[in-house]
Amino acid sequence: MSKKITFDSAGFPRFDENGEYKTDLNTNRVDRFYLDGEELKDKYSGKTDKQIEELENAAHLTMVAQLEAQDIAIRAEKGLEE
């Protein structure tokens, strides 16, 4: 379910007549927003869901490559074959 929140020029969320947050940003990411006191903030300000997904995928691939390099180094140090 998308949460629709609108931010004013200062970056503060606007509320509709029911007191609900409004936005011009449609997202299905429940982890995107967080409350800082009474203020709702966007952890990924200025990025689309697709851009966030691409960044997370790149970070995951980097982590996997680093773990593989560590594994190779440990095996070489112990004289183990792959």
N, C-alpha and C. Protein backbone atom coordinates (compact mmCIF):
# COMPACT_ATOMS: atom_id res chain seq x y z
N MET A 1 0.84 -1.18 0.00
CA MET A 1 0.00 0.00 0.00
C MET A 1 0.88 1.24 0.00
N SER A 2 0.61 2.16 -0.88
CA SER A 2 1.40 3.38 -0.99
C SER A 2 0.94 4.40 0.04
N LYS A 3 1.90 5.09 0.63
CA LYS A 3 1.62 6.18 1.55
C LYS A 3 1.85 7.46 0.77
N LYS A 4 0.90 8.37 0.79
CA LYS A 4 1.03 9.60 0.02
C LYS A 4 1.27 10.76 0.97
N ILE A 5 2.42 11.38 0.85
CA ILE A 5 2.80 12.49 1.73
C ILE A 5 3.27 13.66 0.88
N THR A 6 2.84 14.88 1.22
CA THR A 6 3.28 16.07 0.48
C THR A 6 4.13 16.92 1.40
N PHE A 7 5.25 17.35 0.89
CA PHE A 7 6.16 18.18 1.66
C PHE A 7 6.11 19.61 1.14
N ASP A 8 6.16 20.57 2.07
CA ASP A 8 6.21 21.96 1.64
C ASP A 8 7.64 22.30 1.23
N SER A 9 7.87 23.55 0.83
CA SER A 9 9.19 23.94 0.33
C SER A 9 10.29 23.83 1.39
N ALA A 10 9.91 23.84 2.66
CA ALA A 10 10.88 23.70 3.75
C ALA A 10 11.15 22.24 4.08
N GLY A 11 10.42 21.33 3.43
CA GLY A 11 10.64 19.91 3.66
C GLY A 11 9.77 19.30 4.74
N PHE A 12 8.79 20.06 5.23
CA PHE A 12 7.90 19.54 6.26
C PHE A 12 6.66 18.91 5.63
N PRO A 13 6.17 17.81 6.19
CA PRO A 13 5.00 17.15 5.60
C PRO A 13 3.73 17.97 5.78
N ARG A 14 2.87 17.89 4.80
CA ARG A 14 1.57 18.54 4.87
C ARG A 14 0.55 17.49 5.29
N PHE A 15 -0.54 17.96 5.87
CA PHE A 15 -1.62 17.07 6.31
C PHE A 15 -2.88 17.37 5.52
N ASP A 16 -3.68 16.34 5.26
CA ASP A 16 -4.97 16.57 4.60
C ASP A 16 -6.01 16.92 5.66
N GLU A 17 -7.25 17.08 5.24
CA GLU A 17 -8.32 17.50 6.17
C GLU A 17 -8.59 16.48 7.27
N ASN A 18 -8.17 15.24 7.08
CA ASN A 18 -8.36 14.20 8.10
C ASN A 18 -7.16 14.07 9.04
N GLY A 19 -6.17 14.93 8.87
CA GLY A 19 -4.98 14.86 9.69
C GLY A 19 -3.99 13.81 9.23
N GLU A 20 -4.21 13.25 8.04
CA GLU A 20 -3.30 12.26 7.48
C GLU A 20 -2.18 12.97 6.72
N TYR A 21 -1.00 12.34 6.70
CA TYR A 21 0.09 12.88 5.90
C TYR A 21 -0.28 12.79 4.42
N LYS A 22 0.12 13.80 3.65
CA LYS A 22 -0.07 13.77 2.20
C LYS A 22 1.30 13.90 1.54
N THR A 23 1.47 13.31 0.38
CA THR A 23 2.73 13.43 -0.34
C THR A 23 2.51 13.36 -1.83
N ASP A 24 3.48 13.88 -2.56
CA ASP A 24 3.47 13.74 -4.01
C ASP A 24 4.37 12.56 -4.40
N LEU A 25 4.85 11.84 -3.40
CA LEU A 25 5.74 10.70 -3.62
C LEU A 25 4.99 9.41 -3.33
N ASN A 26 4.82 8.59 -4.35
CA ASN A 26 4.18 7.29 -4.15
C ASN A 26 5.26 6.25 -3.92
N THR A 27 5.09 5.46 -2.88
CA THR A 27 6.09 4.45 -2.56
C THR A 27 5.44 3.23 -1.93
N ASN A 28 6.02 2.10 -2.16
CA ASN A 28 5.59 0.87 -1.50
C ASN A 28 6.59 0.45 -0.44
N ARG A 29 7.59 1.28 -0.19
CA ARG A 29 8.64 0.96 0.79
C ARG A 29 8.20 1.43 2.17
N VAL A 30 7.91 0.49 3.04
CA VAL A 30 7.49 0.85 4.39
C VAL A 30 8.66 1.38 5.22
N ASP A 31 9.89 1.08 4.80
CA ASP A 31 11.07 1.52 5.55
C ASP A 31 11.54 2.91 5.13
N ARG A 32 10.86 3.53 4.20
CA ARG A 32 11.33 4.80 3.64
C ARG A 32 11.19 5.96 4.63
N PHE A 33 10.13 5.98 5.41
CA PHE A 33 9.85 7.10 6.29
C PHE A 33 10.06 6.73 7.75
N TYR A 34 10.42 7.73 8.53
CA TYR A 34 10.57 7.52 9.98
C TYR A 34 10.18 8.80 10.69
N LEU A 35 9.78 8.67 11.94
CA LEU A 35 9.41 9.84 12.73
C LEU A 35 10.60 10.30 13.54
N ASP A 36 10.85 11.59 13.48
CA ASP A 36 11.88 12.23 14.29
C ASP A 36 11.13 13.19 15.20
N GLY A 37 10.76 12.71 16.38
CA GLY A 37 9.87 13.48 17.24
C GLY A 37 8.50 13.51 16.60
N GLU A 38 8.01 14.69 16.26
CA GLU A 38 6.72 14.84 15.59
C GLU A 38 6.89 14.97 14.08
N GLU A 39 8.12 15.02 13.61
CA GLU A 39 8.38 15.26 12.19
C GLU A 39 8.61 13.95 11.44
N LEU A 40 7.89 13.78 10.33
CA LEU A 40 8.06 12.62 9.46
C LEU A 40 9.18 12.92 8.48
N LYS A 41 10.17 12.05 8.40
CA LYS A 41 11.30 12.28 7.51
C LYS A 41 11.45 11.14 6.52
N ASP A 42 12.02 11.45 5.37
CA ASP A 42 12.28 10.48 4.31
C ASP A 42 13.76 10.13 4.35
N LYS A 43 14.08 8.86 4.63
CA LYS A 43 15.48 8.43 4.70
C LYS A 43 16.17 8.53 3.35
N TYR A 44 15.39 8.49 2.28
CA TYR A 44 15.96 8.46 0.93
C TYR A 44 15.51 9.68 0.14
N SER A 45 15.55 10.84 0.75
CA SER A 45 15.07 12.06 0.12
C SER A 45 15.68 12.28 -1.26
N GLY A 46 14.81 12.56 -2.23
CA GLY A 46 15.28 12.85 -3.58
C GLY A 46 15.50 11.63 -4.45
N LYS A 47 15.28 10.43 -3.92
CA LYS A 47 15.51 9.21 -4.70
C LYS A 47 14.19 8.47 -4.91
N THR A 48 14.07 7.85 -6.08
CA THR A 48 12.90 7.03 -6.35
C THR A 48 13.11 5.65 -5.74
N ASP A 49 12.04 4.88 -5.63
CA ASP A 49 12.16 3.52 -5.10
C ASP A 49 13.12 2.70 -5.95
N LYS A 50 13.09 2.89 -7.27
CA LYS A 50 13.98 2.14 -8.18
C LYS A 50 15.44 2.49 -7.89
N GLN A 51 15.74 3.79 -7.70
CA GLN A 51 17.11 4.20 -7.39
C GLN A 51 17.58 3.60 -6.07
N ILE A 52 16.70 3.55 -5.09
CA ILE A 52 17.04 2.96 -3.79
C ILE A 52 17.35 1.48 -3.96
N GLU A 53 16.51 0.79 -4.73
CA GLU A 53 16.72 -0.64 -4.98
C GLU A 53 18.06 -0.88 -5.68
N GLU A 54 18.40 -0.03 -6.64
CA GLU A 54 19.68 -0.18 -7.35
C GLU A 54 20.86 0.03 -6.40
N LEU A 55 20.75 1.01 -5.51
CA LEU A 55 21.81 1.26 -4.52
C LEU A 55 21.96 0.07 -3.57
N GLU A 56 20.83 -0.48 -3.12
CA GLU A 56 20.89 -1.63 -2.22
C GLU A 56 21.48 -2.85 -2.92
N ASN A 57 21.12 -3.05 -4.19
CA ASN A 57 21.68 -4.17 -4.95
C ASN A 57 23.19 -4.02 -5.11
N ALA A 58 23.64 -2.81 -5.42
CA ALA A 58 25.07 -2.56 -5.58
C ALA A 58 25.81 -2.80 -4.26
N ALA A 59 25.23 -2.36 -3.15
CA ALA A 59 25.84 -2.57 -1.84
C ALA A 59 25.92 -4.06 -1.52
N HIS A 60 24.88 -4.80 -1.87
CA HIS A 60 24.87 -6.25 -1.63
C HIS A 60 25.95 -6.93 -2.45
N LEU A 61 26.06 -6.57 -3.73
CA LEU A 61 27.08 -7.18 -4.59
C LEU A 61 28.48 -6.87 -4.10
N THR A 62 28.69 -5.65 -3.62
CA THR A 62 29.99 -5.26 -3.07
C THR A 62 30.32 -6.11 -1.84
N MET A 63 29.33 -6.29 -0.97
CA MET A 63 29.55 -7.09 0.23
C MET A 63 29.89 -8.54 -0.13
N VAL A 64 29.17 -9.11 -1.09
CA VAL A 64 29.43 -10.49 -1.51
C VAL A 64 30.85 -10.61 -2.08
N ALA A 65 31.27 -9.65 -2.89
CA ALA A 65 32.61 -9.68 -3.47
C ALA A 65 33.68 -9.59 -2.38
N GLN A 66 33.45 -8.74 -1.37
CA GLN A 66 34.40 -8.61 -0.27
C GLN A 66 34.50 -9.91 0.53
N LEU A 67 33.36 -10.54 0.78
CA LEU A 67 33.37 -11.81 1.51
C LEU A 67 34.09 -12.90 0.72
N GLU A 68 33.89 -12.91 -0.58
CA GLU A 68 34.57 -13.89 -1.43
C GLU A 68 36.08 -13.67 -1.41
N ALA A 69 36.50 -12.40 -1.47
CA ALA A 69 37.93 -12.09 -1.42
C ALA A 69 38.53 -12.52 -0.08
N GLN A 70 37.80 -12.30 1.01
CA GLN A 70 38.27 -12.72 2.33
C GLN A 70 38.40 -14.24 2.40
N ASP A 71 37.42 -14.94 1.84
CA ASP A 71 37.44 -16.40 1.83
C ASP A 71 38.65 -16.91 1.06
N ILE A 72 38.92 -16.32 -0.10
CA ILE A 72 40.08 -16.73 -0.91
C ILE A 72 41.37 -16.49 -0.14
N ALA A 73 41.47 -15.34 0.53
CA ALA A 73 42.68 -15.02 1.29
C ALA A 73 42.88 -16.00 2.45
N ILE A 74 41.81 -16.35 3.13
CA ILE A 74 41.91 -17.29 4.25
C ILE A 74 42.32 -18.66 3.75
N ARG A 75 41.72 -19.10 2.64
CA ARG A 75 42.07 -20.41 2.07
C ARG A 75 43.53 -20.44 1.63
N ALA A 76 44.00 -19.35 1.02
CA ALA A 76 45.39 -19.29 0.57
C ALA A 76 46.33 -19.33 1.77
N GLU A 77 45.97 -18.61 2.83
CA GLU A 77 46.79 -18.57 4.03
C GLU A 77 46.89 -19.95 4.68
N LYS A 78 45.82 -20.70 4.64
CA LYS A 78 45.80 -22.04 5.24
C LYS A 78 46.25 -23.12 4.28
N GLY A 79 46.53 -22.74 3.03
CA GLY A 79 46.98 -23.70 2.04
C GLY A 79 45.89 -24.63 1.55
N LEU A 80 44.67 -24.17 1.59
CA LEU A 80 43.54 -24.99 1.16
C LEU A 80 43.26 -24.76 -0.32
N GLU A 81 42.83 -25.81 -0.98
CA GLU A 81 42.43 -25.70 -2.39
C GLU A 81 41.00 -25.20 -2.45
N GLU A 82 40.64 -24.61 -3.58
CA GLU A 82 39.25 -24.18 -3.77
C GLU A 82 38.38 -25.32 -4.21
